Amino acid sequence: MAKTFFIPNKESILGQQEVLTAKSILALVEGLESHSYDAVYLRQPLNRLEYIECGIVGQSQFLFKVNYADSRKGYQVVIPDFLTRADWEIVEPIWQVGASGRRVRRI
């Protein structure tokens, strides 16, 4: 069974900040890649995509999914149960940058 963590989108003076693109998510961790290398796909805001699967070639044992939940106004990171320590170290910076002082919740 997978574990899902929720990171609320940041708020700005005018409301919610713009949803990050797939490319922006991948840029949060050096070497993080998606199974899709299509430039148009990577420029899409995450709320226009079902999800992106991510990992680092040669380090990740499993891919994890990142999506944007419009109804909850935030990002969900879905990770498999059998993650290795290296996988956790890849996922952790996404929480740190994405949360930026906000509490990351397991759902």
PDB file of N, CA and C in Angstrom:
ATOM      1  N   MET A   1       0.837  -1.179   0.000  1.00  0.00           N
ATOM      2  CA  MET A   1       0.000   0.000   0.000  1.00  0.00           C
ATOM      3  C   MET A   1       0.885   1.247   0.000  1.00  0.00           C
ATOM      4  N   ALA A   2       0.526   2.200  -0.774  1.00  0.00           N
ATOM      5  CA  ALA A   2       1.308   3.436  -0.897  1.00  0.00           C
ATOM      6  C   ALA A   2       0.975   4.407   0.234  1.00  0.00           C
ATOM      7  N   LYS A   3       1.914   5.282   0.505  1.00  0.00           N
ATOM      8  CA  LYS A   3       1.703   6.357   1.484  1.00  0.00           C
ATOM      9  C   LYS A   3       1.526   7.653   0.706  1.00  0.00           C
ATOM     10  N   THR A   4       0.604   8.487   1.160  1.00  0.00           N
ATOM     11  CA  THR A   4       0.346   9.761   0.492  1.00  0.00           C
ATOM     12  C   THR A   4       0.556  10.897   1.480  1.00  0.00           C
ATOM     13  N   PHE A   5       1.327  11.891   1.061  1.00  0.00           N
ATOM     14  CA  PHE A   5       1.571  13.074   1.875  1.00  0.00           C
ATOM     15  C   PHE A   5       1.032  14.287   1.139  1.00  0.00           C
ATOM     16  N   PHE A   6       0.526  15.238   1.896  1.00  0.00           N
ATOM     17  CA  PHE A   6      -0.098  16.436   1.326  1.00  0.00           C
ATOM     18  C   PHE A   6       0.708  17.667   1.715  1.00  0.00           C
ATOM     19  N   ILE A   7       0.973  18.524   0.732  1.00  0.00           N
ATOM     20  CA  ILE A   7       1.681  19.787   0.957  1.00  0.00           C
ATOM     21  C   ILE A   7       0.776  20.907   0.459  1.00  0.00           C
ATOM     22  N   PRO A   8       0.250  21.738   1.358  1.00  0.00           N
ATOM     23  CA  PRO A   8      -0.624  22.835   0.914  1.00  0.00           C
ATOM     24  C   PRO A   8       0.123  23.795  -0.006  1.00  0.00           C
ATOM     25  N   ASN A   9      -0.588  24.312  -0.998  1.00  0.00           N
ATOM     26  CA  ASN A   9      -0.005  25.319  -1.879  1.00  0.00           C
ATOM     27  C   ASN A   9       0.246  26.581  -1.060  1.00  0.00           C
ATOM     28  N   LYS A  10       1.279  27.317  -1.414  1.00  0.00           N
ATOM     29  CA  LYS A  10       1.596  28.553  -0.701  1.00  0.00           C
ATOM     30  C   LYS A  10       0.540  29.612  -0.993  1.00  0.00           C
ATOM     31  N   GLU A  11       0.327  30.466  -0.035  1.00  0.00           N
ATOM     32  CA  GLU A  11      -0.623  31.569  -0.200  1.00  0.00           C
ATOM     33  C   GLU A  11       0.144  32.843  -0.511  1.00  0.00           C
ATOM     34  N   SER A  12      -0.463  33.679  -1.325  1.00  0.00           N
ATOM     35  CA  SER A  12       0.109  34.994  -1.601  1.00  0.00           C
ATOM     36  C   SER A  12      -0.938  36.032  -1.216  1.00  0.00           C
ATOM     37  N   ILE A  13      -0.618  37.273  -1.397  1.00  0.00           N
ATOM     38  CA  ILE A  13      -1.549  38.353  -1.064  1.00  0.00           C
ATOM     39  C   ILE A  13      -2.845  38.210  -1.850  1.00  0.00           C
ATOM     40  N   LEU A  14      -2.749  37.712  -3.072  1.00  0.00           N
ATOM     41  CA  LEU A  14      -3.918  37.587  -3.938  1.00  0.00           C
ATOM     42  C   LEU A  14      -4.566  36.204  -3.878  1.00  0.00           C
ATOM     43  N   GLY A  15      -4.196  35.382  -2.928  1.00  0.00           N
ATOM     44  CA  GLY A  15      -4.759  34.035  -2.818  1.00  0.00           C
ATOM     45  C   GLY A  15      -3.682  32.981  -2.981  1.00  0.00           C
ATOM     46  N   GLN A  16      -4.049  31.854  -3.564  1.00  0.00           N
ATOM     47  CA  GLN A  16      -3.101  30.761  -3.775  1.00  0.00           C
ATOM     48  C   GLN A  16      -2.060  31.141  -4.819  1.00  0.00           C
ATOM     49  N   GLN A  17      -0.833  30.717  -4.589  1.00  0.00           N
ATOM     50  CA  GLN A  17       0.199  30.942  -5.594  1.00  0.00           C
ATOM     51  C   GLN A  17      -0.051  30.052  -6.802  1.00  0.00           C
ATOM     52  N   GLU A  18       0.547  30.428  -7.907  1.00  0.00           N
ATOM     53  CA  GLU A  18       0.421  29.670  -9.146  1.00  0.00           C
ATOM     54  C   GLU A  18       0.897  28.232  -8.931  1.00  0.00           C
ATOM     55  N   VAL A  19       0.200  27.290  -9.539  1.00  0.00           N
ATOM     56  CA  VAL A  19       0.568  25.880  -9.434  1.00  0.00           C
ATOM     57  C   VAL A  19       1.877  25.648 -10.193  1.00  0.00           C
ATOM     58  N   LEU A  20       2.794  24.921  -9.571  1.00  0.00           N
ATOM     59  CA  LEU A  20       4.086  24.639 -10.195  1.00  0.00           C
ATOM     60  C   LEU A  20       3.919  23.777 -11.438  1.00  0.00           C
ATOM     61  N   THR A  21       4.817  23.961 -12.385  1.00  0.00           N
ATOM     62  CA  THR A  21       4.829  23.113 -13.579  1.00  0.00           C
ATOM     63  C   THR A  21       5.553  21.802 -13.243  1.00  0.00           C
ATOM     64  N   ALA A  22       5.378  20.822 -14.110  1.00  0.00           N
ATOM     65  CA  ALA A  22       6.093  19.556 -13.935  1.00  0.00           C
ATOM     66  C   ALA A  22       7.603  19.810 -13.912  1.00  0.00           C
ATOM     67  N   LYS A  23       8.072  20.691 -14.788  1.00  0.00           N
ATOM     68  CA  LYS A  23       9.502  21.015 -14.852  1.00  0.00           C
ATOM     69  C   LYS A  23       9.984  21.647 -13.543  1.00  0.00           C
ATOM     70  N   SER A  24       9.158  22.499 -12.940  1.00  0.00           N
ATOM     71  CA  SER A  24       9.515  23.127 -11.664  1.00  0.00           C
ATOM     72  C   SER A  24       9.628  22.099 -10.545  1.00  0.00           C
ATOM     73  N   ILE A  25       8.734  21.125 -10.550  1.00  0.00           N
ATOM     74  CA  ILE A  25       8.797  20.056  -9.547  1.00  0.00           C
ATOM     75  C   ILE A  25      10.107  19.281  -9.707  1.00  0.00           C
ATOM     76  N   LEU A  26      10.440  18.939 -10.942  1.00  0.00           N
ATOM     77  CA  LEU A  26      11.665  18.174 -11.195  1.00  0.00           C
ATOM     78  C   LEU A  26      12.914  18.968 -10.814  1.00  0.00           C
ATOM     79  N   ALA A  27      12.852  20.289 -10.915  1.00  0.00           N
ATOM     80  CA  ALA A  27      14.004  21.139 -10.592  1.00  0.00           C
ATOM     81  C   ALA A  27      14.254  21.241  -9.085  1.00  0.00           C
ATOM     82  N   LEU A  28      13.316  20.777  -8.261  1.00  0.00           N
ATOM     83  CA  LEU A  28      13.486  20.864  -6.812  1.00  0.00           C
ATOM     84  C   LEU A  28      14.598  19.951  -6.295  1.00  0.00           C
ATOM     85  N   VAL A  29      14.888  18.889  -7.030  1.00  0.00           N
ATOM     86  CA  VAL A  29      15.912  17.927  -6.614  1.00  0.00           C
ATOM     87  C   VAL A  29      16.856  17.689  -7.790  1.00  0.00           C
ATOM     88  N   GLU A  30      18.142  17.882  -7.569  1.00  0.00           N
ATOM     89  CA  GLU A  30      19.120  17.698  -8.642  1.00  0.00           C
ATOM     90  C   GLU A  30      19.062  16.269  -9.185  1.00  0.00           C
ATOM     91  N   GLY A  31      18.940  16.150 -10.499  1.00  0.00           N
ATOM     92  CA  GLY A  31      18.923  14.843 -11.147  1.00  0.00           C
ATOM     93  C   GLY A  31      17.558  14.181 -11.226  1.00  0.00           C
ATOM     94  N   LEU A  32      16.542  14.799 -10.628  1.00  0.00           N
ATOM     95  CA  LEU A  32      15.199  14.213 -10.646  1.00  0.00           C
ATOM     96  C   LEU A  32      14.646  14.259 -12.061  1.00  0.00           C
ATOM     97  N   GLU A  33      14.117  13.131 -12.522  1.00  0.00           N
ATOM     98  CA  GLU A  33      13.593  13.030 -13.882  1.00  0.00           C
ATOM     99  C   GLU A  33      12.210  12.414 -13.865  1.00  0.00           C
ATOM    100  N   SER A  34      11.486  12.667 -14.941  1.00  0.00           N
ATOM    101  CA  SER A  34      10.176  12.060 -15.145  1.00  0.00           C
ATOM    102  C   SER A  34      10.276  11.086 -16.310  1.00  0.00           C
ATOM    103  N   HIS A  35       9.320  10.196 -16.405  1.00  0.00           N
ATOM    104  CA  HIS A  35       9.308   9.242 -17.517  1.00  0.00           C
ATOM    105  C   HIS A  35       9.016   9.935 -18.842  1.00  0.00           C
ATOM    106  N   SER A  36       8.506  11.167 -18.806  1.00  0.00           N
ATOM    107  CA  SER A  36       8.193  11.908 -20.030  1.00  0.00           C
ATOM    108  C   SER A  36       9.218  13.015 -20.230  1.00  0.00           C
ATOM    109  N   TYR A  37       9.801  13.051 -21.412  1.00  0.00           N
ATOM    110  CA  TYR A  37      10.757  14.112 -21.716  1.00  0.00           C
ATOM    111  C   TYR A  37      10.178  15.114 -22.691  1.00  0.00           C
ATOM    112  N   ASP A  38       8.899  15.019 -22.973  1.00  0.00           N
ATOM    113  CA  ASP A  38       8.226  15.922 -23.894  1.00  0.00           C
ATOM    114  C   ASP A  38       8.207  17.334 -23.301  1.00  0.00           C
ATOM    115  N   ALA A  39       8.754  18.298 -24.024  1.00  0.00           N
ATOM    116  CA  ALA A  39       8.868  19.670 -23.523  1.00  0.00           C
ATOM    117  C   ALA A  39       7.511  20.288 -23.223  1.00  0.00           C
ATOM    118  N   VAL A  40       6.515  20.006 -24.051  1.00  0.00           N
ATOM    119  CA  VAL A  40       5.171  20.556 -23.820  1.00  0.00           C
ATOM    120  C   VAL A  40       4.596  19.997 -22.523  1.00  0.00           C
ATOM    121  N   TYR A  41       4.766  18.712 -22.298  1.00  0.00           N
ATOM    122  CA  TYR A  41       4.296  18.052 -21.076  1.00  0.00           C
ATOM    123  C   TYR A  41       4.942  18.686 -19.845  1.00  0.00           C
ATOM    124  N   LEU A  42       6.242  18.884 -19.890  1.00  0.00           N
ATOM    125  CA  LEU A  42       6.963  19.409 -18.734  1.00  0.00           C
ATOM    126  C   LEU A  42       6.616  20.861 -18.422  1.00  0.00           C
ATOM    127  N   ARG A  43       6.120  21.611 -19.393  1.00  0.00           N
ATOM    128  CA  ARG A  43       5.746  23.015 -19.157  1.00  0.00           C
ATOM    129  C   ARG A  43       4.337  23.162 -18.583  1.00  0.00           C
ATOM    130  N   GLN A  44       3.590  22.078 -18.525  1.00  0.00           N
ATOM    131  CA  GLN A  44       2.208  22.130 -18.037  1.00  0.00           C
ATOM    132  C   GLN A  44       2.182  22.315 -16.520  1.00  0.00           C
ATOM    133  N   PRO A  45       1.260  23.153 -16.019  1.00  0.00           N
ATOM    134  CA  PRO A  45       1.057  23.205 -14.567  1.00  0.00           C
ATOM    135  C   PRO A  45       0.589  21.827 -14.095  1.00  0.00           C
ATOM    136  N   LEU A  46       0.981  21.461 -12.906  1.00  0.00           N
ATOM    137  CA  LEU A  46       0.680  20.128 -12.404  1.00  0.00           C
ATOM    138  C   LEU A  46      -0.821  19.852 -12.307  1.00  0.00           C
ATOM    139  N   ASN A  47      -1.628  20.893 -12.134  1.00  0.00           N
ATOM    140  CA  ASN A  47      -3.077  20.667 -12.042  1.00  0.00           C
ATOM    141  C   ASN A  47      -3.700  20.316 -13.396  1.00  0.00           C
ATOM    142  N   ARG A  48      -2.954  20.429 -14.474  1.00  0.00           N
ATOM    143  CA  ARG A  48      -3.452  20.024 -15.797  1.00  0.00           C
ATOM    144  C   ARG A  48      -3.033  18.600 -16.156  1.00  0.00           C
ATOM    145  N   LEU A  49      -2.218  18.006 -15.319  1.00  0.00           N
ATOM    146  CA  LEU A  49      -1.743  16.638 -15.540  1.00  0.00           C
ATOM    147  C   LEU A  49      -2.332  15.734 -14.461  1.00  0.00           C
ATOM    148  N   GLU A  50      -2.520  14.473 -14.795  1.00  0.00           N
ATOM    149  CA  GLU A  50      -3.013  13.535 -13.779  1.00  0.00           C
ATOM    150  C   GLU A  50      -1.985  13.418 -12.651  1.00  0.00           C
ATOM    151  N   TYR A  51      -0.725  13.228 -13.022  1.00  0.00           N
ATOM    152  CA  TYR A  51       0.392  13.166 -12.078  1.00  0.00           C
ATOM    153  C   TYR A  51       1.684  13.067 -12.889  1.00  0.00           C
ATOM    154  N   ILE A  52       2.812  13.235 -12.202  1.00  0.00           N
ATOM    155  CA  ILE A  52       4.099  12.913 -12.817  1.00  0.00           C
ATOM    156  C   ILE A  52       4.759  11.840 -11.954  1.00  0.00           C
ATOM    157  N   GLU A  53       5.429  10.899 -12.609  1.00  0.00           N
ATOM    158  CA  GLU A  53       6.211   9.896 -11.899  1.00  0.00           C
ATOM    159  C   GLU A  53       7.661  10.341 -11.954  1.00  0.00           C
ATOM    160  N   CYS A  54       8.325  10.303 -10.807  1.00  0.00           N
ATOM    161  CA  CYS A  54       9.673  10.856 -10.703  1.00  0.00           C
ATOM    162  C   CYS A  54      10.638   9.855 -10.086  1.00  0.00           C
ATOM    163  N   GLY A  55      11.898  10.073 -10.375  1.00  0.00           N
ATOM    164  CA  GLY A  55      12.965   9.303  -9.770  1.00  0.00           C
ATOM    165  C   GLY A  55      14.303   9.801 -10.285  1.00  0.00           C
ATOM    166  N   ILE A  56      15.376   9.300  -9.700  1.00  0.00           N
ATOM    167  CA  ILE A  56      16.724   9.633 -10.155  1.00  0.00           C
ATOM    168  C   ILE A  56      17.351   8.349 -10.690  1.00  0.00           C
ATOM    169  N   VAL A  57      17.716   8.376 -11.962  1.00  0.00           N
ATOM    170  CA  VAL A  57      18.308   7.206 -12.611  1.00  0.00           C
ATOM    171  C   VAL A  57      19.561   6.781 -11.846  1.00  0.00           C
ATOM    172  N   GLY A  58      19.640   5.505 -11.519  1.00  0.00           N
ATOM    173  CA  GLY A  58      20.795   4.975 -10.812  1.00  0.00           C
ATOM    174  C   GLY A  58      20.708   5.082  -9.305  1.00  0.00           C
ATOM    175  N   GLN A  59      19.726   5.828  -8.771  1.00  0.00           N
ATOM    176  CA  GLN A  59      19.566   5.957  -7.321  1.00  0.00           C
ATOM    177  C   GLN A  59      18.209   5.460  -6.848  1.00  0.00           C
ATOM    178  N   SER A  60      17.157   5.806  -7.559  1.00  0.00           N
ATOM    179  CA  SER A  60      15.803   5.445  -7.142  1.00  0.00           C
ATOM    180  C   SER A  60      15.541   3.969  -7.404  1.00  0.00           C
ATOM    181  N   GLN A  61      15.024   3.296  -6.403  1.00  0.00           N
ATOM    182  CA  GLN A  61      14.575   1.921  -6.587  1.00  0.00           C
ATOM    183  C   GLN A  61      13.133   1.901  -7.087  1.00  0.00           C
ATOM    184  N   PHE A  62      12.368   2.926  -6.700  1.00  0.00           N
ATOM    185  CA  PHE A  62      10.959   3.028  -7.067  1.00  0.00           C
ATOM    186  C   PHE A  62      10.662   4.444  -7.533  1.00  0.00           C
ATOM    187  N   LEU A  63       9.699   4.580  -8.424  1.00  0.00           N
ATOM    188  CA  LEU A  63       9.230   5.905  -8.824  1.00  0.00           C
ATOM    189  C   LEU A  63       8.158   6.355  -7.841  1.00  0.00           C
ATOM    190  N   PHE A  64       8.082   7.647  -7.604  1.00  0.00           N
ATOM    191  CA  PHE A  64       6.996   8.178  -6.787  1.00  0.00           C
ATOM    192  C   PHE A  64       6.197   9.147  -7.640  1.00  0.00           C
ATOM    193  N   LYS A  65       4.959   9.398  -7.234  1.00  0.00           N
ATOM    194  CA  LYS A  65       4.057  10.250  -8.008  1.00  0.00           C
ATOM    195  C   LYS A  65       3.835  11.567  -7.282  1.00  0.00           C
ATOM    196  N   VAL A  66       3.745  12.630  -8.060  1.00  0.00           N
ATOM    197  CA  VAL A  66       3.393  13.948  -7.530  1.00  0.00           C
ATOM    198  C   VAL A  66       2.224  14.455  -8.358  1.00  0.00           C
ATOM    199  N   ASN A  67       1.185  14.909  -7.680  1.00  0.00           N
ATOM    200  CA  ASN A  67       0.053  15.508  -8.388  1.00  0.00           C
ATOM    201  C   ASN A  67      -0.454  16.710  -7.610  1.00  0.00           C
ATOM    202  N   TYR A  68      -1.343  17.464  -8.243  1.00  0.00           N
ATOM    203  CA  TYR A  68      -1.948  18.621  -7.589  1.00  0.00           C
ATOM    204  C   TYR A  68      -3.418  18.308  -7.366  1.00  0.00           C
ATOM    205  N   ALA A  69      -3.864  18.434  -6.135  1.00  0.00           N
ATOM    206  CA  ALA A  69      -5.264  18.180  -5.783  1.00  0.00           C
ATOM    207  C   ALA A  69      -5.995  19.520  -5.757  1.00  0.00           C
ATOM    208  N   ASP A  70      -6.734  19.818  -6.826  1.00  0.00           N
ATOM    209  CA  ASP A  70      -7.460  21.093  -6.916  1.00  0.00           C
ATOM    210  C   ASP A  70      -8.414  21.290  -5.749  1.00  0.00           C
ATOM    211  N   SER A  71      -9.123  20.240  -5.368  1.00  0.00           N
ATOM    212  CA  SER A  71     -10.124  20.357  -4.306  1.00  0.00           C
ATOM    213  C   SER A  71      -9.499  20.711  -2.963  1.00  0.00           C
ATOM    214  N   ARG A  72      -8.254  20.317  -2.755  1.00  0.00           N
ATOM    215  CA  ARG A  72      -7.573  20.591  -1.483  1.00  0.00           C
ATOM    216  C   ARG A  72      -6.554  21.711  -1.606  1.00  0.00           C
ATOM    217  N   LYS A  73      -6.346  22.205  -2.832  1.00  0.00           N
ATOM    218  CA  LYS A  73      -5.394  23.288  -3.097  1.00  0.00           C
ATOM    219  C   LYS A  73      -3.994  22.966  -2.565  1.00  0.00           C
ATOM    220  N   GLY A  74      -3.474  21.859  -3.054  1.00  0.00           N
ATOM    221  CA  GLY A  74      -2.138  21.482  -2.630  1.00  0.00           C
ATOM    222  C   GLY A  74      -1.602  20.298  -3.407  1.00  0.00           C
ATOM    223  N   TYR A  75      -0.383  19.946  -3.092  1.00  0.00           N
ATOM    224  CA  TYR A  75       0.343  18.885  -3.787  1.00  0.00           C
ATOM    225  C   TYR A  75       0.268  17.592  -2.983  1.00  0.00           C
ATOM    226  N   GLN A  76       0.133  16.493  -3.685  1.00  0.00           N
ATOM    227  CA  GLN A  76       0.172  15.179  -3.054  1.00  0.00           C
ATOM    228  C   GLN A  76       1.392  14.437  -3.581  1.00  0.00           C
ATOM    229  N   VAL A  77       2.135  13.843  -2.667  1.00  0.00           N
ATOM    230  CA  VAL A  77       3.276  13.011  -3.025  1.00  0.00           C
ATOM    231  C   VAL A  77       2.907  11.589  -2.615  1.00  0.00           C
ATOM    232  N   VAL A  78       2.846  10.693  -3.589  1.00  0.00           N
ATOM    233  CA  VAL A  78       2.456   9.304  -3.338  1.00  0.00           C
ATOM    234  C   VAL A  78       3.698   8.436  -3.500  1.00  0.00           C
ATOM    235  N   ILE A  79       4.052   7.755  -2.412  1.00  0.00           N
ATOM    236  CA  ILE A  79       5.266   6.948  -2.419  1.00  0.00           C
ATOM    237  C   ILE A  79       4.923   5.489  -2.114  1.00  0.00           C
ATOM    238  N   PRO A  80       5.617   4.551  -2.766  1.00  0.00           N
ATOM    239  CA  PRO A  80       5.389   3.134  -2.480  1.00  0.00           C
ATOM    240  C   PRO A  80       5.875   2.779  -1.078  1.00  0.00           C
ATOM    241  N   ASP A  81       5.344   1.712  -0.523  1.00  0.00           N
ATOM    242  CA  ASP A  81       5.743   1.267   0.817  1.00  0.00           C
ATOM    243  C   ASP A  81       7.206   0.867   0.919  1.00  0.00           C
ATOM    244  N   PHE A  82       7.742   0.321  -0.125  1.00  0.00           N
ATOM    245  CA  PHE A  82       9.067  -0.285  -0.051  1.00  0.00           C
ATOM    246  C   PHE A  82      10.180   0.652  -0.494  1.00  0.00           C
ATOM    247  N   LEU A  83      10.108   1.905  -0.086  1.00  0.00           N
ATOM    248  CA  LEU A  83      11.152   2.858  -0.461  1.00  0.00           C
ATOM    249  C   LEU A  83      12.455   2.557   0.262  1.00  0.00           C
ATOM    250  N   THR A  84      13.535   2.802  -0.417  1.00  0.00           N
ATOM    251  CA  THR A  84      14.854   2.664   0.191  1.00  0.00           C
ATOM    252  C   THR A  84      15.240   3.994   0.841  1.00  0.00           C
ATOM    253  N   ARG A  85      16.303   3.980   1.590  1.00  0.00           N
ATOM    254  CA  ARG A  85      16.800   5.219   2.207  1.00  0.00           C
ATOM    255  C   ARG A  85      17.116   6.265   1.128  1.00  0.00           C
ATOM    256  N   ALA A  86      17.711   5.824   0.025  1.00  0.00           N
ATOM    257  CA  ALA A  86      18.036   6.750  -1.074  1.00  0.00           C
ATOM    258  C   ALA A  86      16.769   7.397  -1.623  1.00  0.00           C
ATOM    259  N   ASP A  87      15.687   6.614  -1.746  1.00  0.00           N
ATOM    260  CA  ASP A  87      14.425   7.174  -2.234  1.00  0.00           C
ATOM    261  C   ASP A  87      13.885   8.231  -1.271  1.00  0.00           C
ATOM    262  N   TRP A  88      13.943   7.952   0.035  1.00  0.00           N
ATOM    263  CA  TRP A  88      13.467   8.937   1.014  1.00  0.00           C
ATOM    264  C   TRP A  88      14.272  10.231   0.905  1.00  0.00           C
ATOM    265  N   GLU A  89      15.578  10.110   0.693  1.00  0.00           N
ATOM    266  CA  GLU A  89      16.427  11.294   0.579  1.00  0.00           C
ATOM    267  C   GLU A  89      16.100  12.102  -0.675  1.00  0.00           C
ATOM    268  N   ILE A  90      15.575  11.449  -1.706  1.00  0.00           N
ATOM    269  CA  ILE A  90      15.161  12.149  -2.921  1.00  0.00           C
ATOM    270  C   ILE A  90      13.848  12.888  -2.686  1.00  0.00           C
ATOM    271  N   VAL A  91      12.918  12.260  -1.983  1.00  0.00           N
ATOM    272  CA  VAL A  91      11.588  12.833  -1.753  1.00  0.00           C
ATOM    273  C   VAL A  91      11.627  13.981  -0.739  1.00  0.00           C
ATOM    274  N   GLU A  92      12.482  13.881   0.265  1.00  0.00           N
ATOM    275  CA  GLU A  92      12.507  14.866   1.350  1.00  0.00           C
ATOM    276  C   GLU A  92      12.655  16.325   0.900  1.00  0.00           C
ATOM    277  N   PRO A  93      13.552  16.668  -0.035  1.00  0.00           N
ATOM    278  CA  PRO A  93      13.659  18.079  -0.447  1.00  0.00           C
ATOM    279  C   PRO A  93      12.377  18.635  -1.067  1.00  0.00           C
ATOM    280  N   ILE A  94      11.589  17.780  -1.690  1.00  0.00           N
ATOM    281  CA  ILE A  94      10.318  18.250  -2.254  1.00  0.00           C
ATOM    282  C   ILE A  94       9.416  18.731  -1.135  1.00  0.00           C
ATOM    283  N   TRP A  95       9.382  17.990  -0.037  1.00  0.00           N
ATOM    284  CA  TRP A  95       8.566  18.422   1.100  1.00  0.00           C
ATOM    285  C   TRP A  95       9.101  19.722   1.679  1.00  0.00           C
ATOM    286  N   GLN A  96      10.424  19.801   1.836  1.00  0.00           N
ATOM    287  CA  GLN A  96      11.017  20.981   2.452  1.00  0.00           C
ATOM    288  C   GLN A  96      10.767  22.234   1.624  1.00  0.00           C
ATOM    289  N   VAL A  97      10.999  22.157   0.326  1.00  0.00           N
ATOM    290  CA  VAL A  97      10.804  23.318  -0.544  1.00  0.00           C
ATOM    291  C   VAL A  97       9.329  23.608  -0.721  1.00  0.00           C
ATOM    292  N   GLY A  98       8.548  22.567  -0.961  1.00  0.00           N
ATOM    293  CA  GLY A  98       7.117  22.743  -1.190  1.00  0.00           C
ATOM    294  C   GLY A  98       6.388  23.240   0.036  1.00  0.00           C
ATOM    295  N   ALA A  99       6.754  22.735   1.186  1.00  0.00           N
ATOM    296  CA  ALA A  99       6.040  23.105   2.401  1.00  0.00           C
ATOM    297  C   ALA A  99       6.455  24.481   2.901  1.00  0.00           C
ATOM    298  N   SER A 100       7.729  24.801   2.826  1.00  0.00           N
ATOM    299  CA  SER A 100       8.251  26.094   3.251  1.00  0.00           C
ATOM    300  C   SER A 100       7.591  26.596   4.527  1.00  0.00           C
ATOM    301  N   GLY A 101       7.782  25.838   5.578  1.00  0.00           N
ATOM    302  CA  GLY A 101       7.237  26.239   6.867  1.00  0.00           C
ATOM    303  C   GLY A 101       5.844  25.703   7.137  1.00  0.00           C
ATOM    304  N   ARG A 102       5.206  25.129   6.151  1.00  0.00           N
ATOM    305  CA  ARG A 102       3.875  24.553   6.350  1.00  0.00           C
ATOM    306  C   ARG A 102       4.030  23.101   6.779  1.00  0.00           C
ATOM    307  N   ARG A 103       3.051  22.634   7.472  1.00  0.00           N
ATOM    308  CA  ARG A 103       3.088  21.266   7.958  1.00  0.00           C
ATOM    309  C   ARG A 103       2.712  20.288   6.846  1.00  0.00           C
ATOM    310  N   VAL A 104       3.570  19.328   6.605  1.00  0.00           N
ATOM    311  CA  VAL A 104       3.290  18.269   5.636  1.00  0.00           C
ATOM    312  C   VAL A 104       2.518  17.194   6.383  1.00  0.00           C
ATOM    313  N   ARG A 105       1.375  16.808   5.827  1.00  0.00           N
ATOM    314  CA  ARG A 105       0.533  15.830   6.499  1.00  0.00           C
ATOM    315  C   ARG A 105       0.473  14.546   5.700  1.00  0.00           C
ATOM    316  N   ARG A 106       0.442  13.450   6.429  1.00  0.00           N
ATOM    317  CA  ARG A 106       0.209  12.157   5.778  1.00  0.00           C
ATOM    318  C   ARG A 106      -1.297  11.970   5.693  1.00  0.00           C
ATOM    319  N   ILE A 107      -1.778  11.563   4.509  1.00  0.00           N
ATOM    320  CA  ILE A 107      -3.223  11.344   4.354  1.00  0.00           C
ATOM    321  C   ILE A 107      -3.495   9.919   3.929  1.00  0.00           C
TER     322      ILE A 107
END
